[in-house]
Amino acid sequence: MQLPDDIDMEEQRMLMAALTGEAYLGRIPDFGTDPRYRPRELSPGGMERERLRQEQDAAYEESLLMDKHKEEEEERLRRAAERAAAAAAAEEARKAREAEEAAAALERSLAEKEASLPPEPGPEEGDAVVLVVRLPKGGRLSRRFRQSDRLGVSRRPPGARMYGV
């Protein structure tokens, strides 16, 4: 079989050995001195195109790097916002829990105080006394007591306010 003049038979054997996975036992060409393997010199237009391609590649790499930094910054800000939201939610939950505990403590205190009161006499009982308390916002509270009910004095710790809630 006759090969065209520009085909190097040794190069063909190297390719076949590479494709079939066999070891190449022939002569390896000297790429440094063989004129066929010298790099081509580009024309001025080709050199300009190569320079432009390299500039575009550099600009593209820089753009990729900037995009990566931008994404990292956005991710950092998103994580910071998530941490702040979680902290705010935890603080809100803590405040809500404290408010619930305070409301429960007030309910318990009011229930204890109400339980310590003697039963209120009905309107048909004649020996009753009506106690009316006027509230700061204009409202009024009233309750009936028997004249025989004892007035209780609660002990308060030293320094406690007399009319405090």
N, C-alpha and C. Protein backbone atom coordinates (compact mmCIF):
# COMPACT_ATOMS: atom_id res chain seq x y z
N MET A 1 0.85 -1.18 0.00
CA MET A 1 0.00 0.00 0.00
C MET A 1 0.89 1.24 0.00
N GLN A 2 0.60 2.14 -0.87
CA GLN A 2 1.39 3.37 -1.05
C GLN A 2 0.75 4.49 -0.25
N LEU A 3 1.53 5.13 0.63
CA LEU A 3 1.04 6.25 1.43
C LEU A 3 1.42 7.56 0.76
N PRO A 4 0.64 8.59 0.97
CA PRO A 4 1.00 9.90 0.43
C PRO A 4 2.33 10.35 1.03
N ASP A 5 3.00 11.32 0.31
CA ASP A 5 4.34 11.77 0.69
C ASP A 5 4.37 12.48 2.05
N ASP A 6 3.28 13.14 2.41
CA ASP A 6 3.30 13.90 3.67
C ASP A 6 2.97 13.04 4.89
N ILE A 7 2.80 11.74 4.74
CA ILE A 7 2.52 10.84 5.85
C ILE A 7 3.82 10.18 6.28
N ASP A 8 4.15 10.28 7.54
CA ASP A 8 5.35 9.65 8.10
C ASP A 8 4.93 8.29 8.65
N MET A 9 5.51 7.23 8.13
CA MET A 9 5.16 5.88 8.51
C MET A 9 5.46 5.63 9.99
N GLU A 10 6.54 6.21 10.46
CA GLU A 10 6.91 6.02 11.87
C GLU A 10 5.86 6.67 12.77
N GLU A 11 5.38 7.81 12.36
CA GLU A 11 4.34 8.49 13.13
C GLU A 11 3.07 7.65 13.14
N GLN A 12 2.74 7.01 12.04
CA GLN A 12 1.58 6.13 11.97
C GLN A 12 1.72 4.95 12.92
N ARG A 13 2.91 4.38 13.01
CA ARG A 13 3.13 3.26 13.93
C ARG A 13 2.96 3.72 15.39
N MET A 14 3.44 4.91 15.69
CA MET A 14 3.29 5.46 17.04
C MET A 14 1.80 5.62 17.37
N LEU A 15 1.04 6.15 16.43
CA LEU A 15 -0.39 6.34 16.64
C LEU A 15 -1.11 5.01 16.84
N MET A 16 -0.79 4.03 16.02
CA MET A 16 -1.42 2.72 16.13
C MET A 16 -1.08 2.05 17.48
N ALA A 17 0.17 2.20 17.91
CA ALA A 17 0.56 1.64 19.21
C ALA A 17 -0.22 2.32 20.33
N ALA A 18 -0.41 3.64 20.21
CA ALA A 18 -1.15 4.37 21.23
C ALA A 18 -2.61 3.96 21.23
N LEU A 19 -3.22 3.78 20.06
CA LEU A 19 -4.63 3.40 19.97
C LEU A 19 -4.88 1.98 20.46
N THR A 20 -3.97 1.08 20.17
CA THR A 20 -4.18 -0.31 20.57
C THR A 20 -3.66 -0.61 21.96
N GLY A 21 -2.90 0.30 22.56
CA GLY A 21 -2.38 0.09 23.89
C GLY A 21 -1.13 -0.74 23.93
N GLU A 22 -0.52 -0.94 22.80
CA GLU A 22 0.71 -1.73 22.75
C GLU A 22 1.92 -0.83 22.99
N ALA A 23 3.03 -1.43 23.33
CA ALA A 23 4.25 -0.67 23.54
C ALA A 23 4.84 -0.31 22.17
N TYR A 24 5.31 0.91 22.02
CA TYR A 24 5.94 1.35 20.77
C TYR A 24 7.43 1.04 20.86
N LEU A 25 7.92 0.26 19.89
CA LEU A 25 9.31 -0.17 19.92
C LEU A 25 10.16 0.52 18.86
N GLY A 26 9.57 1.40 18.09
CA GLY A 26 10.30 2.02 16.98
C GLY A 26 11.10 3.24 17.41
N ARG A 27 11.55 3.97 16.40
CA ARG A 27 12.38 5.15 16.61
C ARG A 27 11.47 6.34 16.94
N ILE A 28 11.80 7.05 18.01
CA ILE A 28 11.05 8.25 18.40
C ILE A 28 11.73 9.43 17.74
N PRO A 29 10.96 10.24 16.98
CA PRO A 29 11.57 11.37 16.28
C PRO A 29 12.11 12.41 17.26
N ASP A 30 13.09 13.15 16.81
CA ASP A 30 13.68 14.23 17.59
C ASP A 30 12.89 15.49 17.27
N PHE A 31 12.02 15.85 18.17
CA PHE A 31 11.14 16.99 17.91
C PHE A 31 11.89 18.31 17.93
N GLY A 32 13.04 18.36 18.54
CA GLY A 32 13.79 19.61 18.61
C GLY A 32 14.50 19.96 17.31
N THR A 33 14.98 18.97 16.57
CA THR A 33 15.76 19.27 15.36
C THR A 33 15.00 18.98 14.08
N ASP A 34 13.98 18.19 14.11
CA ASP A 34 13.23 17.85 12.89
C ASP A 34 12.41 19.06 12.46
N PRO A 35 12.62 19.56 11.23
CA PRO A 35 11.92 20.77 10.80
C PRO A 35 10.40 20.59 10.73
N ARG A 36 9.93 19.37 10.62
CA ARG A 36 8.48 19.17 10.56
C ARG A 36 7.79 19.48 11.88
N TYR A 37 8.55 19.43 12.96
CA TYR A 37 7.94 19.63 14.27
C TYR A 37 8.24 20.99 14.87
N ARG A 38 8.80 21.88 14.09
CA ARG A 38 9.05 23.24 14.58
C ARG A 38 7.74 24.01 14.62
N PRO A 39 7.55 24.80 15.65
CA PRO A 39 6.31 25.57 15.71
C PRO A 39 6.26 26.56 14.55
N ARG A 40 5.06 26.76 14.07
CA ARG A 40 4.89 27.72 12.99
C ARG A 40 5.03 29.12 13.53
N GLU A 41 5.58 29.96 12.71
CA GLU A 41 5.64 31.37 13.08
C GLU A 41 4.38 32.01 12.53
N LEU A 42 3.74 32.79 13.39
CA LEU A 42 2.48 33.41 12.99
C LEU A 42 2.74 34.67 12.20
N SER A 43 1.83 34.94 11.29
CA SER A 43 1.88 36.20 10.56
C SER A 43 1.52 37.33 11.51
N PRO A 44 1.76 38.59 11.14
CA PRO A 44 1.38 39.70 12.03
C PRO A 44 -0.10 39.67 12.39
N GLY A 45 -0.97 39.33 11.44
CA GLY A 45 -2.41 39.24 11.73
C GLY A 45 -2.70 38.10 12.70
N GLY A 46 -2.00 36.96 12.51
CA GLY A 46 -2.17 35.82 13.42
C GLY A 46 -1.68 36.14 14.81
N MET A 47 -0.57 36.89 14.88
CA MET A 47 -0.03 37.28 16.19
C MET A 47 -1.01 38.21 16.90
N GLU A 48 -1.63 39.12 16.11
CA GLU A 48 -2.62 40.04 16.69
C GLU A 48 -3.83 39.26 17.22
N ARG A 49 -4.29 38.26 16.44
CA ARG A 49 -5.42 37.43 16.87
C ARG A 49 -5.07 36.65 18.13
N GLU A 50 -3.84 36.11 18.19
CA GLU A 50 -3.39 35.36 19.37
C GLU A 50 -3.31 36.26 20.59
N ARG A 51 -2.80 37.49 20.42
CA ARG A 51 -2.73 38.46 21.53
C ARG A 51 -4.13 38.81 22.01
N LEU A 52 -5.06 39.04 21.05
CA LEU A 52 -6.43 39.36 21.40
C LEU A 52 -7.08 38.19 22.15
N ARG A 53 -6.84 36.96 21.69
CA ARG A 53 -7.39 35.79 22.35
C ARG A 53 -6.87 35.68 23.78
N GLN A 54 -5.56 35.93 23.96
CA GLN A 54 -4.98 35.86 25.30
C GLN A 54 -5.57 36.94 26.20
N GLU A 55 -5.79 38.15 25.66
CA GLU A 55 -6.41 39.22 26.45
C GLU A 55 -7.84 38.84 26.84
N GLN A 56 -8.57 38.26 25.88
CA GLN A 56 -9.94 37.85 26.17
C GLN A 56 -9.96 36.74 27.22
N ASP A 57 -9.02 35.80 27.09
CA ASP A 57 -8.94 34.73 28.08
C ASP A 57 -8.64 35.29 29.47
N ALA A 58 -7.73 36.25 29.54
CA ALA A 58 -7.38 36.86 30.82
C ALA A 58 -8.57 37.62 31.40
N ALA A 59 -9.31 38.35 30.53
CA ALA A 59 -10.49 39.08 31.00
C ALA A 59 -11.56 38.11 31.48
N TYR A 60 -11.71 36.99 30.77
CA TYR A 60 -12.70 35.98 31.17
C TYR A 60 -12.33 35.38 32.53
N GLU A 61 -11.07 35.04 32.71
CA GLU A 61 -10.62 34.48 33.99
C GLU A 61 -10.85 35.48 35.12
N GLU A 62 -10.55 36.76 34.85
CA GLU A 62 -10.76 37.79 35.86
C GLU A 62 -12.25 37.92 36.19
N SER A 63 -13.09 37.86 35.16
CA SER A 63 -14.53 37.93 35.37
C SER A 63 -15.02 36.75 36.20
N LEU A 64 -14.50 35.56 35.90
CA LEU A 64 -14.88 34.38 36.69
C LEU A 64 -14.48 34.55 38.15
N LEU A 65 -13.28 35.08 38.37
CA LEU A 65 -12.79 35.29 39.73
C LEU A 65 -13.65 36.31 40.46
N MET A 66 -14.02 37.40 39.77
CA MET A 66 -14.88 38.42 40.38
C MET A 66 -16.25 37.83 40.71
N ASP A 67 -16.79 37.03 39.79
CA ASP A 67 -18.09 36.39 40.04
C ASP A 67 -18.00 35.46 41.25
N LYS A 68 -16.89 34.74 41.36
CA LYS A 68 -16.71 33.83 42.49
C LYS A 68 -16.67 34.62 43.79
N HIS A 69 -15.91 35.73 43.79
CA HIS A 69 -15.83 36.57 45.00
C HIS A 69 -17.19 37.15 45.34
N LYS A 70 -17.93 37.57 44.31
CA LYS A 70 -19.26 38.13 44.53
C LYS A 70 -20.18 37.09 45.14
N GLU A 71 -20.16 35.87 44.62
CA GLU A 71 -20.99 34.79 45.16
C GLU A 71 -20.59 34.47 46.60
N GLU A 72 -19.29 34.45 46.88
CA GLU A 72 -18.83 34.18 48.24
C GLU A 72 -19.30 35.28 49.19
N GLU A 73 -19.24 36.53 48.74
CA GLU A 73 -19.70 37.65 49.58
C GLU A 73 -21.20 37.56 49.82
N GLU A 74 -21.96 37.23 48.77
CA GLU A 74 -23.41 37.07 48.93
C GLU A 74 -23.72 35.93 49.89
N GLU A 75 -22.97 34.85 49.79
CA GLU A 75 -23.17 33.71 50.70
C GLU A 75 -22.83 34.10 52.13
N ARG A 76 -21.76 34.86 52.30
CA ARG A 76 -21.38 35.33 53.63
C ARG A 76 -22.46 36.23 54.22
N LEU A 77 -22.97 37.16 53.39
CA LEU A 77 -24.03 38.06 53.86
C LEU A 77 -25.31 37.28 54.17
N ARG A 78 -25.62 36.26 53.35
CA ARG A 78 -26.82 35.46 53.57
C ARG A 78 -26.70 34.71 54.90
N ARG A 79 -25.51 34.14 55.15
CA ARG A 79 -25.30 33.43 56.41
C ARG A 79 -25.39 34.38 57.60
N ALA A 80 -24.82 35.58 57.45
CA ALA A 80 -24.89 36.56 58.53
C ALA A 80 -26.34 36.96 58.79
N ALA A 81 -27.12 37.14 57.72
CA ALA A 81 -28.54 37.48 57.88
C ALA A 81 -29.29 36.33 58.55
N GLU A 82 -28.96 35.10 58.18
CA GLU A 82 -29.61 33.94 58.81
C GLU A 82 -29.27 33.88 60.30
N ARG A 83 -27.98 34.13 60.62
CA ARG A 83 -27.59 34.12 62.03
C ARG A 83 -28.31 35.23 62.80
N ALA A 84 -28.41 36.42 62.19
CA ALA A 84 -29.09 37.53 62.86
C ALA A 84 -30.58 37.21 63.04
N ALA A 85 -31.20 36.62 62.01
CA ALA A 85 -32.61 36.26 62.12
C ALA A 85 -32.81 35.20 63.19
N ALA A 86 -31.90 34.23 63.26
CA ALA A 86 -32.01 33.18 64.27
C ALA A 86 -31.85 33.79 65.67
N ALA A 87 -30.91 34.71 65.81
CA ALA A 87 -30.71 35.35 67.11
C ALA A 87 -31.93 36.18 67.50
N ALA A 88 -32.50 36.90 66.51
CA ALA A 88 -33.70 37.70 66.79
C ALA A 88 -34.86 36.80 67.16
N ALA A 89 -35.01 35.68 66.46
CA ALA A 89 -36.09 34.74 66.77
C ALA A 89 -35.90 34.15 68.17
N ALA A 90 -34.66 33.82 68.52
CA ALA A 90 -34.38 33.29 69.85
C ALA A 90 -34.69 34.33 70.93
N GLU A 91 -34.32 35.57 70.67
CA GLU A 91 -34.59 36.66 71.62
C GLU A 91 -36.10 36.87 71.75
N GLU A 92 -36.80 36.84 70.63
CA GLU A 92 -38.26 37.00 70.64
C GLU A 92 -38.90 35.85 71.42
N ALA A 93 -38.42 34.62 71.19
CA ALA A 93 -38.96 33.47 71.92
C ALA A 93 -38.68 33.59 73.41
N ARG A 94 -37.48 34.08 73.75
CA ARG A 94 -37.14 34.27 75.17
C ARG A 94 -38.06 35.29 75.82
N LYS A 95 -38.29 36.41 75.10
CA LYS A 95 -39.18 37.45 75.64
C LYS A 95 -40.60 36.92 75.78
N ALA A 96 -41.06 36.16 74.78
CA ALA A 96 -42.41 35.60 74.85
C ALA A 96 -42.52 34.62 76.01
N ARG A 97 -41.48 33.80 76.20
CA ARG A 97 -41.49 32.85 77.30
C ARG A 97 -41.50 33.58 78.64
N GLU A 98 -40.70 34.65 78.75
CA GLU A 98 -40.69 35.43 79.99
C GLU A 98 -42.04 36.08 80.23
N ALA A 99 -42.67 36.59 79.16
CA ALA A 99 -43.98 37.22 79.31
C ALA A 99 -45.02 36.18 79.74
N GLU A 100 -44.94 34.98 79.16
CA GLU A 100 -45.87 33.92 79.56
C GLU A 100 -45.64 33.53 81.02
N GLU A 101 -44.38 33.43 81.42
CA GLU A 101 -44.08 33.09 82.81
C GLU A 101 -44.57 34.17 83.76
N ALA A 102 -44.39 35.45 83.37
CA ALA A 102 -44.86 36.55 84.21
C ALA A 102 -46.39 36.54 84.29
N ALA A 103 -47.05 36.28 83.15
CA ALA A 103 -48.52 36.23 83.16
C ALA A 103 -49.00 35.06 84.01
N ALA A 104 -48.32 33.91 83.92
CA ALA A 104 -48.71 32.75 84.74
C ALA A 104 -48.48 33.05 86.22
N ALA A 105 -47.37 33.72 86.54
CA ALA A 105 -47.10 34.07 87.94
C ALA A 105 -48.15 35.04 88.45
N LEU A 106 -48.57 36.00 87.65
CA LEU A 106 -49.61 36.94 88.05
C LEU A 106 -50.93 36.22 88.25
N GLU A 107 -51.25 35.28 87.34
CA GLU A 107 -52.49 34.50 87.48
C GLU A 107 -52.47 33.70 88.78
N ARG A 108 -51.32 33.06 89.07
CA ARG A 108 -51.20 32.28 90.31
C ARG A 108 -51.36 33.19 91.53
N SER A 109 -50.71 34.34 91.48
CA SER A 109 -50.78 35.28 92.60
C SER A 109 -52.22 35.75 92.80
N LEU A 110 -52.89 36.09 91.71
CA LEU A 110 -54.28 36.54 91.83
C LEU A 110 -55.18 35.42 92.33
N ALA A 111 -54.94 34.20 91.85
CA ALA A 111 -55.74 33.06 92.30
C ALA A 111 -55.53 32.81 93.79
N GLU A 112 -54.26 32.91 94.25
CA GLU A 112 -53.97 32.73 95.67
C GLU A 112 -54.67 33.80 96.51
N LYS A 113 -54.62 35.04 96.04
CA LYS A 113 -55.25 36.14 96.78
C LYS A 113 -56.77 35.98 96.80
N GLU A 114 -57.31 35.57 95.66
CA GLU A 114 -58.76 35.38 95.60
C GLU A 114 -59.19 34.23 96.51
N ALA A 115 -58.36 33.17 96.56
CA ALA A 115 -58.68 32.03 97.41
C ALA A 115 -58.61 32.40 98.89
N SER A 116 -57.78 33.39 99.23
CA SER A 116 -57.65 33.78 100.62
C SER A 116 -58.80 34.69 101.08
N LEU A 117 -59.59 35.20 100.15
CA LEU A 117 -60.73 36.05 100.51
C LEU A 117 -61.87 35.19 101.06
N PRO A 118 -62.60 35.71 102.02
CA PRO A 118 -63.78 34.98 102.47
C PRO A 118 -64.87 35.07 101.39
N PRO A 119 -65.85 34.16 101.42
CA PRO A 119 -66.90 34.22 100.41
C PRO A 119 -67.66 35.54 100.50
N GLU A 120 -68.05 36.06 99.34
CA GLU A 120 -68.77 37.34 99.29
C GLU A 120 -70.23 37.11 99.70
N PRO A 121 -70.73 37.94 100.64
CA PRO A 121 -72.12 37.77 101.05
C PRO A 121 -73.08 38.23 99.96
N GLY A 122 -74.25 37.67 99.94
CA GLY A 122 -75.25 38.05 98.96
C GLY A 122 -75.88 39.39 99.29
N PRO A 123 -76.64 39.96 98.35
CA PRO A 123 -77.26 41.27 98.59
C PRO A 123 -78.35 41.21 99.67
N GLU A 124 -78.87 40.00 99.97
CA GLU A 124 -79.93 39.89 100.98
C GLU A 124 -79.40 39.98 102.40
N GLU A 125 -78.09 39.82 102.58
CA GLU A 125 -77.51 39.89 103.92
C GLU A 125 -77.37 41.34 104.32
N GLY A 126 -77.90 41.69 105.46
CA GLY A 126 -77.94 43.08 105.89
C GLY A 126 -76.69 43.56 106.57
N ASP A 127 -75.88 42.69 107.11
CA ASP A 127 -74.70 43.14 107.85
C ASP A 127 -73.47 43.27 106.95
N ALA A 128 -73.67 43.45 105.64
CA ALA A 128 -72.56 43.55 104.69
C ALA A 128 -72.07 44.98 104.55
N VAL A 129 -70.76 45.08 104.25
CA VAL A 129 -70.14 46.37 103.98
C VAL A 129 -69.63 46.31 102.54
N VAL A 130 -69.82 47.40 101.80
CA VAL A 130 -69.35 47.45 100.41
C VAL A 130 -68.07 48.27 100.38
N LEU A 131 -67.04 47.65 99.82
CA LEU A 131 -65.76 48.33 99.67
C LEU A 131 -65.61 48.68 98.19
N VAL A 132 -65.42 49.98 97.89
CA VAL A 132 -65.30 50.44 96.50
C VAL A 132 -63.90 51.05 96.33
N VAL A 133 -63.22 50.62 95.27
CA VAL A 133 -61.90 51.15 94.97
C VAL A 133 -61.97 51.84 93.62
N ARG A 134 -61.56 53.10 93.58
CA ARG A 134 -61.54 53.84 92.32
C ARG A 134 -60.16 53.67 91.69
N LEU A 135 -60.14 53.28 90.43
CA LEU A 135 -58.89 53.01 89.72
C LEU A 135 -58.36 54.29 89.09
N PRO A 136 -57.04 54.34 88.83
CA PRO A 136 -56.45 55.56 88.28
C PRO A 136 -57.04 55.98 86.93
N LYS A 137 -57.52 55.04 86.15
CA LYS A 137 -58.07 55.40 84.83
C LYS A 137 -59.57 55.68 84.88
N GLY A 138 -60.13 55.77 86.07
CA GLY A 138 -61.53 56.14 86.20
C GLY A 138 -62.46 54.99 86.49
N GLY A 139 -62.01 53.77 86.37
CA GLY A 139 -62.87 52.62 86.65
C GLY A 139 -63.05 52.43 88.15
N ARG A 140 -63.99 51.55 88.49
CA ARG A 140 -64.26 51.28 89.89
C ARG A 140 -64.40 49.78 90.09
N LEU A 141 -63.93 49.29 91.24
CA LEU A 141 -64.11 47.91 91.65
C LEU A 141 -64.81 47.92 92.99
N SER A 142 -65.77 47.01 93.14
CA SER A 142 -66.47 46.95 94.43
C SER A 142 -66.62 45.50 94.85
N ARG A 143 -66.68 45.30 96.16
CA ARG A 143 -66.86 43.96 96.71
C ARG A 143 -67.52 44.10 98.06
N ARG A 144 -68.34 43.13 98.35
CA ARG A 144 -69.07 43.13 99.63
C ARG A 144 -68.33 42.23 100.61
N PHE A 145 -68.33 42.64 101.86
CA PHE A 145 -67.75 41.87 102.95
C PHE A 145 -68.75 41.85 104.10
N ARG A 146 -68.73 40.80 104.92
CA ARG A 146 -69.53 40.76 106.14
C ARG A 146 -68.82 41.62 107.19
N GLN A 147 -69.57 42.15 108.08
CA GLN A 147 -68.97 42.95 109.15
C GLN A 147 -68.15 42.06 110.09
N SER A 148 -68.46 40.79 110.10
CA SER A 148 -67.74 39.88 110.99
C SER A 148 -66.43 39.37 110.36
N ASP A 149 -66.23 39.62 109.03
CA ASP A 149 -64.99 39.18 108.38
C ASP A 149 -63.82 39.95 108.97
N ARG A 150 -62.73 39.23 109.15
CA ARG A 150 -61.54 39.86 109.75
C ARG A 150 -60.70 40.50 108.64
N LEU A 151 -60.15 41.59 108.97
CA LEU A 151 -59.25 42.30 108.06
C LEU A 151 -57.88 41.67 108.22
N GLY A 152 -57.34 41.13 107.13
CA GLY A 152 -56.05 40.46 107.22
C GLY A 152 -54.92 41.42 106.91
N VAL A 153 -53.80 41.20 107.56
CA VAL A 153 -52.61 42.01 107.31
C VAL A 153 -51.56 41.06 106.76
N SER A 154 -51.09 41.37 105.61
CA SER A 154 -50.06 40.51 105.05
C SER A 154 -48.72 41.05 105.44
N ARG A 155 -47.82 40.16 105.69
CA ARG A 155 -46.46 40.59 106.01
C ARG A 155 -45.72 40.77 104.70
N ARG A 156 -45.05 41.88 104.61
CA ARG A 156 -44.25 42.14 103.42
C ARG A 156 -42.81 42.28 103.79
N PRO A 157 -41.93 41.92 102.87
CA PRO A 157 -40.50 42.03 103.20
C PRO A 157 -40.08 43.48 103.36
N PRO A 158 -39.04 43.71 104.16
CA PRO A 158 -38.59 45.09 104.35
C PRO A 158 -38.19 45.71 103.01
N GLY A 159 -38.58 46.95 102.80
CA GLY A 159 -38.22 47.67 101.58
C GLY A 159 -39.23 47.48 100.47
N ALA A 160 -40.25 46.60 100.63
CA ALA A 160 -41.26 46.40 99.59
C ALA A 160 -42.21 47.58 99.60
N ARG A 161 -42.72 47.93 98.43
CA ARG A 161 -43.65 49.06 98.33
C ARG A 161 -45.01 48.67 98.89
N MET A 162 -45.67 49.60 99.48
CA MET A 162 -46.94 49.30 100.14
C MET A 162 -48.03 49.08 99.09
N TYR A 163 -48.05 49.86 98.04
CA TYR A 163 -49.13 49.77 97.05
C TYR A 163 -48.64 49.18 95.74
N GLY A 164 -47.55 48.48 95.76
CA GLY A 164 -46.98 47.92 94.52
C GLY A 164 -47.76 46.72 94.02
N VAL A 165 -47.69 46.50 92.73
CA VAL A 165 -48.35 45.35 92.13
C VAL A 165 -47.29 44.32 91.79
